[in-house]
């Protein structure tokens, strides 16, 4: 009997430290960006969030993020600008329909419930390494992951030389998840 209790306890510990699999919920504006255009901040969002997130804060060695967002959903509040951004010289949404973010490593950050994402972002067929801190807040049957990072649009061949459009932009992530 004692042997079975030990085995049961080991199984419970293993289940408790095992990774959980989550799917992003695309209920809110989960991916947003800010860029300067003519010296003014232009805000935009992307929806169509899909992917798979494996996460357990007690066992980060198993954590992985593989998430995509639909380029065709870009929304800056100006339909003419949105149509232009989908064209070949910007996102080329007809050919490159998704922006991908894939983790290579998740580690503990500098404060509680803060983590460090290391991975790759893929835009228009160009891959670039990124690293940024994020938070993970538990919610019923999932997590909310929040973080932000900066990229240079020209690294991804998005838009050409411009005197009025900033090269650098900030991407903000606010991803709600549910257990898969």
C-alpha atoms as a PDB file:
ATOM      1  CA  UNK A   1       0.000   0.000   0.000  1.00  0.00           C
ATOM      2  CA  UNK A   2       2.819   2.377   0.882  1.00  0.00           C
ATOM      3  CA  UNK A   3       4.369   1.683  -2.521  1.00  0.00           C
ATOM      4  CA  UNK A   4       1.151   2.760  -4.314  1.00  0.00           C
ATOM      5  CA  UNK A   5       0.937   5.994  -2.321  1.00  0.00           C
ATOM      6  CA  UNK A   6       4.513   6.882  -3.304  1.00  0.00           C
ATOM      7  CA  UNK A   7       3.782   6.143  -6.969  1.00  0.00           C
ATOM      8  CA  UNK A   8       0.583   8.220  -6.828  1.00  0.00           C
ATOM      9  CA  UNK A   9       2.436  11.105  -5.167  1.00  0.00           C
ATOM     10  CA  UNK A  10       5.147  10.996  -7.872  1.00  0.00           C
ATOM     11  CA  UNK A  11       2.510  11.043 -10.611  1.00  0.00           C
ATOM     12  CA  UNK A  12       0.758  14.024  -9.032  1.00  0.00           C
ATOM     13  CA  UNK A  13       4.041  15.921  -8.783  1.00  0.00           C
ATOM     14  CA  UNK A  14       4.818  15.098 -12.421  1.00  0.00           C
ATOM     15  CA  UNK A  15       1.382  16.301 -13.557  1.00  0.00           C
ATOM     16  CA  UNK A  16       1.770  19.453 -11.512  1.00  0.00           C
ATOM     17  CA  UNK A  17       5.096  20.365 -13.163  1.00  0.00           C
ATOM     18  CA  UNK A  18       4.108  19.225 -16.654  1.00  0.00           C
ATOM     19  CA  UNK A  19       3.608  21.799 -19.364  1.00  0.00           C
ATOM     20  CA  UNK A  20       0.125  22.929 -20.245  1.00  0.00           C
ATOM     21  CA  UNK A  21      -0.896  23.622 -23.836  1.00  0.00           C
ATOM     22  CA  UNK A  22      -2.779  26.842 -24.593  1.00  0.00           C
ATOM     23  CA  UNK A  23      -4.327  28.452 -27.650  1.00  0.00           C
ATOM     24  CA  UNK A  24      -4.552  32.213 -28.153  1.00  0.00           C
ATOM     25  CA  UNK A  25      -8.035  33.686 -27.922  1.00  0.00           C
ATOM     26  CA  UNK A  26      -8.549  36.318 -30.604  1.00  0.00           C
ATOM     27  CA  UNK A  27     -11.248  38.157 -28.671  1.00  0.00           C
ATOM     28  CA  UNK A  28      -9.400  41.411 -28.184  1.00  0.00           C
ATOM     29  CA  UNK A  29      -6.808  43.455 -30.017  1.00  0.00           C
ATOM     30  CA  UNK A  30      -3.984  41.127 -29.064  1.00  0.00           C
ATOM     31  CA  UNK A  31      -1.297  42.526 -31.368  1.00  0.00           C
ATOM     32  CA  UNK A  32      -0.876  46.258 -31.758  1.00  0.00           C
ATOM     33  CA  UNK A  33       1.842  48.546 -33.058  1.00  0.00           C
ATOM     34  CA  UNK A  34       2.915  52.174 -32.888  1.00  0.00           C
ATOM     35  CA  UNK A  35       4.994  53.956 -35.549  1.00  0.00           C
ATOM     36  CA  UNK A  36       5.737  57.619 -36.234  1.00  0.00           C
ATOM     37  CA  UNK A  37       4.459  58.985 -39.553  1.00  0.00           C
ATOM     38  CA  UNK A  38       4.932  62.690 -40.319  1.00  0.00           C
ATOM     39  CA  UNK A  39       6.009  63.030 -36.674  1.00  0.00           C
ATOM     40  CA  UNK A  40       2.681  61.724 -35.367  1.00  0.00           C
ATOM     41  CA  UNK A  41       2.101  58.376 -33.683  1.00  0.00           C
ATOM     42  CA  UNK A  42       0.074  55.987 -35.803  1.00  0.00           C
ATOM     43  CA  UNK A  43      -1.502  53.079 -33.945  1.00  0.00           C
ATOM     44  CA  UNK A  44      -2.632  49.876 -35.564  1.00  0.00           C
ATOM     45  CA  UNK A  45      -3.802  46.379 -34.743  1.00  0.00           C
ATOM     46  CA  UNK A  46      -3.653  42.923 -36.249  1.00  0.00           C
ATOM     47  CA  UNK A  47      -6.102  40.117 -35.537  1.00  0.00           C
ATOM     48  CA  UNK A  48      -6.511  36.539 -36.718  1.00  0.00           C
ATOM     49  CA  UNK A  49      -4.254  35.303 -33.945  1.00  0.00           C
ATOM     50  CA  UNK A  50      -3.581  31.557 -33.998  1.00  0.00           C
ATOM     51  CA  UNK A  51      -1.022  29.193 -32.577  1.00  0.00           C
ATOM     52  CA  UNK A  52       0.128  26.942 -29.814  1.00  0.00           C
ATOM     53  CA  UNK A  53       1.667  27.938 -26.500  1.00  0.00           C
ATOM     54  CA  UNK A  54       3.174  25.414 -24.110  1.00  0.00           C
ATOM     55  CA  UNK A  55       3.738  27.029 -20.723  1.00  0.00           C
ATOM     56  CA  UNK A  56       4.240  26.091 -17.097  1.00  0.00           C
ATOM     57  CA  UNK A  57       6.082  28.647 -14.947  1.00  0.00           C
ATOM     58  CA  UNK A  58       7.421  25.815 -12.764  1.00  0.00           C
ATOM     59  CA  UNK A  59       9.062  24.128 -15.770  1.00  0.00           C
ATOM     60  CA  UNK A  60      10.222  26.722 -18.317  1.00  0.00           C
ATOM     61  CA  UNK A  61      12.469  24.225 -20.106  1.00  0.00           C
ATOM     62  CA  UNK A  62       9.338  22.873 -21.826  1.00  0.00           C
ATOM     63  CA  UNK A  63       7.900  26.302 -22.710  1.00  0.00           C
ATOM     64  CA  UNK A  64       7.343  27.089 -26.393  1.00  0.00           C
ATOM     65  CA  UNK A  65       5.443  29.780 -28.236  1.00  0.00           C
ATOM     66  CA  UNK A  66       4.442  29.451 -31.887  1.00  0.00           C
ATOM     67  CA  UNK A  67       1.961  32.147 -32.829  1.00  0.00           C
ATOM     68  CA  UNK A  68       0.819  33.723 -36.105  1.00  0.00           C
ATOM     69  CA  UNK A  69      -1.240  36.787 -36.911  1.00  0.00           C
ATOM     70  CA  UNK A  70      -3.062  37.544 -40.162  1.00  0.00           C
ATOM     71  CA  UNK A  71      -1.490  40.456 -42.111  1.00  0.00           C
ATOM     72  CA  UNK A  72      -4.737  40.995 -44.030  1.00  0.00           C
ATOM     73  CA  UNK A  73      -6.426  42.187 -40.826  1.00  0.00           C
ATOM     74  CA  UNK A  74      -4.198  45.261 -40.382  1.00  0.00           C
ATOM     75  CA  UNK A  75      -6.279  48.153 -39.069  1.00  0.00           C
ATOM     76  CA  UNK A  76      -4.959  51.675 -38.480  1.00  0.00           C
ATOM     77  CA  UNK A  77      -8.372  53.326 -38.484  1.00  0.00           C
ATOM     78  CA  UNK A  78      -7.792  54.564 -42.045  1.00  0.00           C
ATOM     79  CA  UNK A  79      -9.023  52.141 -44.731  1.00  0.00           C
ATOM     80  CA  UNK A  80      -7.010  53.808 -47.498  1.00  0.00           C
ATOM     81  CA  UNK A  81      -3.781  53.456 -45.480  1.00  0.00           C
ATOM     82  CA  UNK A  82      -4.687  49.870 -44.547  1.00  0.00           C
ATOM     83  CA  UNK A  83      -5.124  48.950 -48.223  1.00  0.00           C
ATOM     84  CA  UNK A  84      -1.773  50.551 -49.050  1.00  0.00           C
ATOM     85  CA  UNK A  85      -0.018  48.655 -46.224  1.00  0.00           C
ATOM     86  CA  UNK A  86      -1.258  45.340 -47.676  1.00  0.00           C
ATOM     87  CA  UNK A  87       0.402  46.059 -51.045  1.00  0.00           C
ATOM     88  CA  UNK A  88       3.699  44.601 -52.250  1.00  0.00           C
ATOM     89  CA  UNK A  89       5.963  47.474 -51.152  1.00  0.00           C
ATOM     90  CA  UNK A  90       4.783  47.118 -47.553  1.00  0.00           C
ATOM     91  CA  UNK A  91       3.473  43.773 -46.221  1.00  0.00           C
ATOM     92  CA  UNK A  92       2.627  42.095 -49.545  1.00  0.00           C
ATOM     93  CA  UNK A  93      -0.344  40.418 -47.865  1.00  0.00           C
ATOM     94  CA  UNK A  94      -1.282  38.469 -51.009  1.00  0.00           C
ATOM     95  CA  UNK A  95       1.997  36.513 -50.792  1.00  0.00           C
ATOM     96  CA  UNK A  96       2.996  36.780 -47.113  1.00  0.00           C
ATOM     97  CA  UNK A  97      -0.288  36.278 -45.283  1.00  0.00           C
ATOM     98  CA  UNK A  98       1.078  35.678 -41.771  1.00  0.00           C
ATOM     99  CA  UNK A  99       3.534  37.204 -39.341  1.00  0.00           C
ATOM    100  CA  UNK A 100       5.103  34.441 -37.229  1.00  0.00           C
ATOM    101  CA  UNK A 101       6.655  34.562 -33.771  1.00  0.00           C
ATOM    102  CA  UNK A 102       8.401  31.408 -32.560  1.00  0.00           C
ATOM    103  CA  UNK A 103      10.313  31.018 -29.306  1.00  0.00           C
ATOM    104  CA  UNK A 104      13.673  29.328 -28.982  1.00  0.00           C
ATOM    105  CA  UNK A 105      14.004  29.791 -25.216  1.00  0.00           C
ATOM    106  CA  UNK A 106      11.893  31.069 -22.314  1.00  0.00           C
ATOM    107  CA  UNK A 107      13.637  31.960 -19.063  1.00  0.00           C
ATOM    108  CA  UNK A 108      12.825  33.635 -15.759  1.00  0.00           C
ATOM    109  CA  UNK A 109      12.859  37.441 -15.742  1.00  0.00           C
ATOM    110  CA  UNK A 110      13.964  39.910 -13.085  1.00  0.00           C
ATOM    111  CA  UNK A 111      10.728  40.026 -11.085  1.00  0.00           C
ATOM    112  CA  UNK A 112       7.891  37.638 -10.136  1.00  0.00           C
ATOM    113  CA  UNK A 113       5.681  36.505 -13.033  1.00  0.00           C
ATOM    114  CA  UNK A 114       8.144  38.079 -15.488  1.00  0.00           C
ATOM    115  CA  UNK A 115       9.882  36.008 -18.133  1.00  0.00           C
ATOM    116  CA  UNK A 116      12.263  36.524 -21.035  1.00  0.00           C
ATOM    117  CA  UNK A 117      11.270  35.489 -24.560  1.00  0.00           C
ATOM    118  CA  UNK A 118      14.022  34.624 -27.012  1.00  0.00           C
ATOM    119  CA  UNK A 119      13.054  33.640 -30.517  1.00  0.00           C
ATOM    120  CA  UNK A 120      12.424  34.692 -34.082  1.00  0.00           C
ATOM    121  CA  UNK A 121       9.900  36.963 -35.748  1.00  0.00           C
ATOM    122  CA  UNK A 122       9.191  36.348 -39.450  1.00  0.00           C
ATOM    123  CA  UNK A 123       7.769  39.099 -41.639  1.00  0.00           C
ATOM    124  CA  UNK A 124       7.672  38.946 -45.459  1.00  0.00           C
ATOM    125  CA  UNK A 125       9.907  35.873 -45.491  1.00  0.00           C
ATOM    126  CA  UNK A 126      12.631  37.549 -43.416  1.00  0.00           C
ATOM    127  CA  UNK A 127      13.559  36.084 -40.015  1.00  0.00           C
ATOM    128  CA  UNK A 128      15.104  38.176 -37.239  1.00  0.00           C
ATOM    129  CA  UNK A 129      16.043  37.238 -33.691  1.00  0.00           C
ATOM    130  CA  UNK A 130      14.156  39.037 -30.953  1.00  0.00           C
ATOM    131  CA  UNK A 131      14.321  39.082 -27.185  1.00  0.00           C
ATOM    132  CA  UNK A 132      11.928  40.814 -24.823  1.00  0.00           C
ATOM    133  CA  UNK A 133      10.513  40.552 -21.297  1.00  0.00           C
ATOM    134  CA  UNK A 134       6.901  39.531 -20.817  1.00  0.00           C
ATOM    135  CA  UNK A 135       4.486  38.841 -18.000  1.00  0.00           C
ATOM    136  CA  UNK A 136       2.241  35.836 -17.539  1.00  0.00           C
ATOM    137  CA  UNK A 137      -0.883  36.376 -15.451  1.00  0.00           C
ATOM    138  CA  UNK A 138      -3.054  33.336 -14.718  1.00  0.00           C
ATOM    139  CA  UNK A 139      -6.735  33.586 -15.597  1.00  0.00           C
ATOM    140  CA  UNK A 140      -9.507  30.994 -15.549  1.00  0.00           C
ATOM    141  CA  UNK A 141      -8.342  28.148 -17.795  1.00  0.00           C
ATOM    142  CA  UNK A 142      -5.367  30.058 -19.230  1.00  0.00           C
ATOM    143  CA  UNK A 143      -2.984  32.993 -19.068  1.00  0.00           C
ATOM    144  CA  UNK A 144      -2.683  36.549 -20.277  1.00  0.00           C
ATOM    145  CA  UNK A 145       0.764  37.157 -21.767  1.00  0.00           C
ATOM    146  CA  UNK A 146       1.867  40.792 -22.143  1.00  0.00           C
ATOM    147  CA  UNK A 147       5.070  42.121 -23.642  1.00  0.00           C
ATOM    148  CA  UNK A 148       6.474  44.507 -26.193  1.00  0.00           C
ATOM    149  CA  UNK A 149       9.479  44.744 -28.463  1.00  0.00           C
ATOM    150  CA  UNK A 150      10.916  47.084 -31.076  1.00  0.00           C
ATOM    151  CA  UNK A 151      11.799  46.232 -34.653  1.00  0.00           C
ATOM    152  CA  UNK A 152      13.117  48.109 -37.659  1.00  0.00           C
ATOM    153  CA  UNK A 153      10.595  47.812 -40.504  1.00  0.00           C
ATOM    154  CA  UNK A 154      13.366  48.058 -43.103  1.00  0.00           C
ATOM    155  CA  UNK A 155      14.999  44.879 -41.714  1.00  0.00           C
ATOM    156  CA  UNK A 156      11.907  43.108 -43.063  1.00  0.00           C
ATOM    157  CA  UNK A 157      11.693  45.080 -46.340  1.00  0.00           C
ATOM    158  CA  UNK A 158       8.447  46.721 -45.215  1.00  0.00           C
ATOM    159  CA  UNK A 159       8.217  50.085 -46.982  1.00  0.00           C
ATOM    160  CA  UNK A 160      11.194  51.740 -48.610  1.00  0.00           C
ATOM    161  CA  UNK A 161      13.247  54.782 -47.769  1.00  0.00           C
ATOM    162  CA  UNK A 162      11.057  57.450 -46.277  1.00  0.00           C
ATOM    163  CA  UNK A 163      11.708  60.884 -44.875  1.00  0.00           C
ATOM    164  CA  UNK A 164       8.363  60.898 -43.043  1.00  0.00           C
ATOM    165  CA  UNK A 165       7.907  57.304 -41.832  1.00  0.00           C
ATOM    166  CA  UNK A 166      10.022  56.119 -38.918  1.00  0.00           C
ATOM    167  CA  UNK A 167      12.119  53.020 -39.441  1.00  0.00           C
ATOM    168  CA  UNK A 168      11.466  51.794 -35.894  1.00  0.00           C
ATOM    169  CA  UNK A 169       8.180  50.680 -34.432  1.00  0.00           C
ATOM    170  CA  UNK A 170       6.964  49.099 -31.239  1.00  0.00           C
ATOM    171  CA  UNK A 171       4.945  45.882 -31.230  1.00  0.00           C
ATOM    172  CA  UNK A 172       2.706  45.325 -28.193  1.00  0.00           C
ATOM    173  CA  UNK A 173       1.371  41.880 -27.316  1.00  0.00           C
ATOM    174  CA  UNK A 174      -1.624  41.273 -25.063  1.00  0.00           C
ATOM    175  CA  UNK A 175      -2.504  37.643 -25.642  1.00  0.00           C
ATOM    176  CA  UNK A 176      -5.268  35.877 -23.735  1.00  0.00           C
ATOM    177  CA  UNK A 177      -5.130  32.107 -23.887  1.00  0.00           C
ATOM    178  CA  UNK A 178      -7.326  29.141 -23.095  1.00  0.00           C
ATOM    179  CA  UNK A 179      -6.302  25.584 -22.324  1.00  0.00           C
ATOM    180  CA  UNK A 180      -6.314  23.416 -25.457  1.00  0.00           C
END
